[in-house]
Amino acid sequence: MYDKSKNYYSQIIKSEIEELSSDISELEQITKPIPLDSAYGRISRMDAINQKSRNEALLSDARVRMQNLKRVLVNIEGGEYGVCSVCGNEISKERLEFVPETDRCNLHTNQ
């Protein structure tokens, strides 16, 4: 990968990391435990617990994506970025822009 491309993708990934950091902070705030003595009615409390579960799943996914983005940022400098981990072919520019943390080409996305 050319240095110009490395810088371009590094900027995309750093931007994604920054945005994701903000999302993670918000999700951490709204997934705090719901106190038993809170002023929820029985139905409202169940809704709050369900919403908390969904937010915890989003938080988990966000943390995994953050880890992948940080890994990819290191791979850019190592020259491994943009190469399919399965077949060794170059990953398309469009795919890298849409899913910058990917390590597989379009042919191997379901494996």
C-alpha atoms as a PDB file:
ATOM      1  CA  MET A   1       0.000   0.000   0.000  1.00  0.00           C
ATOM      2  CA  TYR A   2       1.273   3.457  -0.895  1.00  0.00           C
ATOM      3  CA  ASP A   3       2.112   6.007   1.802  1.00  0.00           C
ATOM      4  CA  LYS A   4      -0.642   8.303   0.508  1.00  0.00           C
ATOM      5  CA  SER A   5      -3.187   5.491   0.893  1.00  0.00           C
ATOM      6  CA  LYS A   6      -1.831   4.627   4.335  1.00  0.00           C
ATOM      7  CA  ASN A   7      -2.407   8.184   5.496  1.00  0.00           C
ATOM      8  CA  TYR A   8      -5.887   8.244   3.986  1.00  0.00           C
ATOM      9  CA  TYR A   9      -6.990   5.030   5.710  1.00  0.00           C
ATOM     10  CA  SER A  10      -5.248   5.996   8.952  1.00  0.00           C
ATOM     11  CA  GLN A  11      -7.319   9.176   9.041  1.00  0.00           C
ATOM     12  CA  ILE A  12     -10.539   7.247   8.383  1.00  0.00           C
ATOM     13  CA  ILE A  13      -9.719   4.777  11.153  1.00  0.00           C
ATOM     14  CA  LYS A  14      -8.679   7.467  13.638  1.00  0.00           C
ATOM     15  CA  SER A  15     -11.929   9.290  12.948  1.00  0.00           C
ATOM     16  CA  GLU A  16     -13.898   6.069  13.511  1.00  0.00           C
ATOM     17  CA  ILE A  17     -12.003   5.445  16.773  1.00  0.00           C
ATOM     18  CA  GLU A  18     -12.767   8.961  17.990  1.00  0.00           C
ATOM     19  CA  GLU A  19     -16.470   8.628  17.195  1.00  0.00           C
ATOM     20  CA  LEU A  20     -16.623   5.154  18.709  1.00  0.00           C
ATOM     21  CA  SER A  21     -14.924   6.389  21.906  1.00  0.00           C
ATOM     22  CA  SER A  22     -17.697   8.914  22.325  1.00  0.00           C
ATOM     23  CA  ASP A  23     -20.353   6.249  21.703  1.00  0.00           C
ATOM     24  CA  ILE A  24     -18.720   3.901  24.213  1.00  0.00           C
ATOM     25  CA  SER A  25     -18.675   6.627  26.877  1.00  0.00           C
ATOM     26  CA  GLU A  26     -22.384   7.286  26.355  1.00  0.00           C
ATOM     27  CA  LEU A  27     -23.227   3.582  26.413  1.00  0.00           C
ATOM     28  CA  GLU A  28     -21.218   3.079  29.606  1.00  0.00           C
ATOM     29  CA  GLN A  29     -23.273   5.816  31.259  1.00  0.00           C
ATOM     30  CA  ILE A  30     -26.641   4.385  30.241  1.00  0.00           C
ATOM     31  CA  THR A  31     -25.772   0.785  31.096  1.00  0.00           C
ATOM     32  CA  LYS A  32     -25.096   1.453  34.754  1.00  0.00           C
ATOM     33  CA  PRO A  33     -27.096  -0.769  37.111  1.00  0.00           C
ATOM     34  CA  ILE A  34     -30.711   0.181  37.736  1.00  0.00           C
ATOM     35  CA  PRO A  35     -31.180   0.638  41.471  1.00  0.00           C
ATOM     36  CA  LEU A  36     -33.936  -1.395  43.095  1.00  0.00           C
ATOM     37  CA  ASP A  37     -35.341   1.646  44.867  1.00  0.00           C
ATOM     38  CA  SER A  38     -35.727   3.734  41.698  1.00  0.00           C
ATOM     39  CA  ALA A  39     -39.124   5.286  41.017  1.00  0.00           C
ATOM     40  CA  TYR A  40     -40.083   2.965  38.170  1.00  0.00           C
ATOM     41  CA  GLY A  41     -43.418   1.244  37.996  1.00  0.00           C
ATOM     42  CA  ARG A  42     -43.315  -2.516  37.452  1.00  0.00           C
ATOM     43  CA  ILE A  43     -43.829  -2.266  33.651  1.00  0.00           C
ATOM     44  CA  SER A  44     -41.512   0.727  33.297  1.00  0.00           C
ATOM     45  CA  ARG A  45     -38.835  -1.088  35.274  1.00  0.00           C
ATOM     46  CA  MET A  46     -39.076  -4.108  32.939  1.00  0.00           C
ATOM     47  CA  ASP A  47     -38.779  -1.794  29.925  1.00  0.00           C
ATOM     48  CA  ALA A  48     -35.743  -0.132  31.497  1.00  0.00           C
ATOM     49  CA  ILE A  49     -34.126  -3.534  32.117  1.00  0.00           C
ATOM     50  CA  ASN A  50     -34.797  -4.610  28.514  1.00  0.00           C
ATOM     51  CA  GLN A  51     -33.371  -1.349  27.171  1.00  0.00           C
ATOM     52  CA  LYS A  52     -30.328  -1.781  29.420  1.00  0.00           C
ATOM     53  CA  SER A  53     -29.767  -5.249  27.941  1.00  0.00           C
ATOM     54  CA  ARG A  54     -29.891  -3.895  24.402  1.00  0.00           C
ATOM     55  CA  ASN A  55     -27.485  -1.106  25.309  1.00  0.00           C
ATOM     56  CA  GLU A  56     -25.104  -3.610  26.920  1.00  0.00           C
ATOM     57  CA  ALA A  57     -25.070  -5.581  23.657  1.00  0.00           C
ATOM     58  CA  LEU A  58     -24.338  -2.380  21.718  1.00  0.00           C
ATOM     59  CA  LEU A  59     -21.556  -1.553  24.172  1.00  0.00           C
ATOM     60  CA  SER A  60     -20.016  -4.999  23.748  1.00  0.00           C
ATOM     61  CA  ASP A  61     -20.120  -4.692  19.953  1.00  0.00           C
ATOM     62  CA  ALA A  62     -18.617  -1.201  20.120  1.00  0.00           C
ATOM     63  CA  ARG A  63     -15.744  -2.417  22.286  1.00  0.00           C
ATOM     64  CA  VAL A  64     -14.995  -5.274  19.878  1.00  0.00           C
ATOM     65  CA  ARG A  65     -15.054  -2.880  16.921  1.00  0.00           C
ATOM     66  CA  MET A  66     -12.746  -0.479  18.774  1.00  0.00           C
ATOM     67  CA  GLN A  67     -10.296  -3.321  19.379  1.00  0.00           C
ATOM     68  CA  ASN A  68     -10.417  -4.255  15.679  1.00  0.00           C
ATOM     69  CA  LEU A  69      -9.879  -0.659  14.562  1.00  0.00           C
ATOM     70  CA  LYS A  70      -6.846  -0.310  16.841  1.00  0.00           C
ATOM     71  CA  ARG A  71      -5.443  -3.601  15.496  1.00  0.00           C
ATOM     72  CA  VAL A  72      -5.887  -2.406  11.929  1.00  0.00           C
ATOM     73  CA  LEU A  73      -4.186   0.898  12.700  1.00  0.00           C
ATOM     74  CA  VAL A  74      -1.098  -1.091  13.726  1.00  0.00           C
ATOM     75  CA  ASN A  75      -1.396  -3.248  10.583  1.00  0.00           C
ATOM     76  CA  ILE A  76      -1.272  -0.171   8.354  1.00  0.00           C
ATOM     77  CA  GLU A  77       2.219   0.618   9.576  1.00  0.00           C
ATOM     78  CA  GLY A  78       3.254  -3.027   9.246  1.00  0.00           C
ATOM     79  CA  GLY A  79       2.187  -3.099   5.601  1.00  0.00           C
ATOM     80  CA  GLU A  80      -0.430  -5.812   6.177  1.00  0.00           C
ATOM     81  CA  TYR A  81      -3.457  -3.557   5.735  1.00  0.00           C
ATOM     82  CA  GLY A  82      -5.632  -3.977   2.654  1.00  0.00           C
ATOM     83  CA  VAL A  83      -4.627  -7.586   2.020  1.00  0.00           C
ATOM     84  CA  CYS A  84      -7.135 -10.423   2.463  1.00  0.00           C
ATOM     85  CA  SER A  85      -6.135 -12.705   5.335  1.00  0.00           C
ATOM     86  CA  VAL A  86      -7.636 -15.703   3.512  1.00  0.00           C
ATOM     87  CA  CYS A  87      -6.478 -15.451  -0.099  1.00  0.00           C
ATOM     88  CA  GLY A  88      -3.826 -12.715  -0.002  1.00  0.00           C
ATOM     89  CA  ASN A  89      -5.559 -10.620  -2.664  1.00  0.00           C
ATOM     90  CA  GLU A  90      -5.968  -6.888  -2.324  1.00  0.00           C
ATOM     91  CA  ILE A  91      -9.174  -5.747  -0.600  1.00  0.00           C
ATOM     92  CA  SER A  92     -11.158  -3.252  -2.671  1.00  0.00           C
ATOM     93  CA  LYS A  93     -10.950   0.435  -1.836  1.00  0.00           C
ATOM     94  CA  GLU A  94     -14.735   0.629  -1.497  1.00  0.00           C
ATOM     95  CA  ARG A  95     -14.799  -2.165   1.085  1.00  0.00           C
ATOM     96  CA  LEU A  96     -11.971  -0.610   3.105  1.00  0.00           C
ATOM     97  CA  GLU A  97     -13.791   2.719   3.159  1.00  0.00           C
ATOM     98  CA  PHE A  98     -17.079   1.113   4.236  1.00  0.00           C
ATOM     99  CA  VAL A  99     -15.590  -1.343   6.773  1.00  0.00           C
ATOM    100  CA  PRO A 100     -12.065  -0.069   7.530  1.00  0.00           C
ATOM    101  CA  GLU A 101     -11.420  -2.820  10.097  1.00  0.00           C
ATOM    102  CA  THR A 102     -11.972  -5.625   7.600  1.00  0.00           C
ATOM    103  CA  ASP A 103      -9.245  -8.153   6.900  1.00  0.00           C
ATOM    104  CA  ARG A 104     -11.105 -10.084   4.195  1.00  0.00           C
ATOM    105  CA  CYS A 105     -11.966  -9.357   0.584  1.00  0.00           C
ATOM    106  CA  ASN A 106     -15.511  -9.492  -0.815  1.00  0.00           C
ATOM    107  CA  LEU A 107     -15.083 -13.157  -1.773  1.00  0.00           C
ATOM    108  CA  HIS A 108     -14.296 -14.262   1.788  1.00  0.00           C
ATOM    109  CA  THR A 109     -16.607 -12.149   3.937  1.00  0.00           C
ATOM    110  CA  ASN A 110     -18.848 -15.065   4.981  1.00  0.00           C
ATOM    111  CA  GLN A 111     -16.098 -17.427   6.053  1.00  0.00           C
END
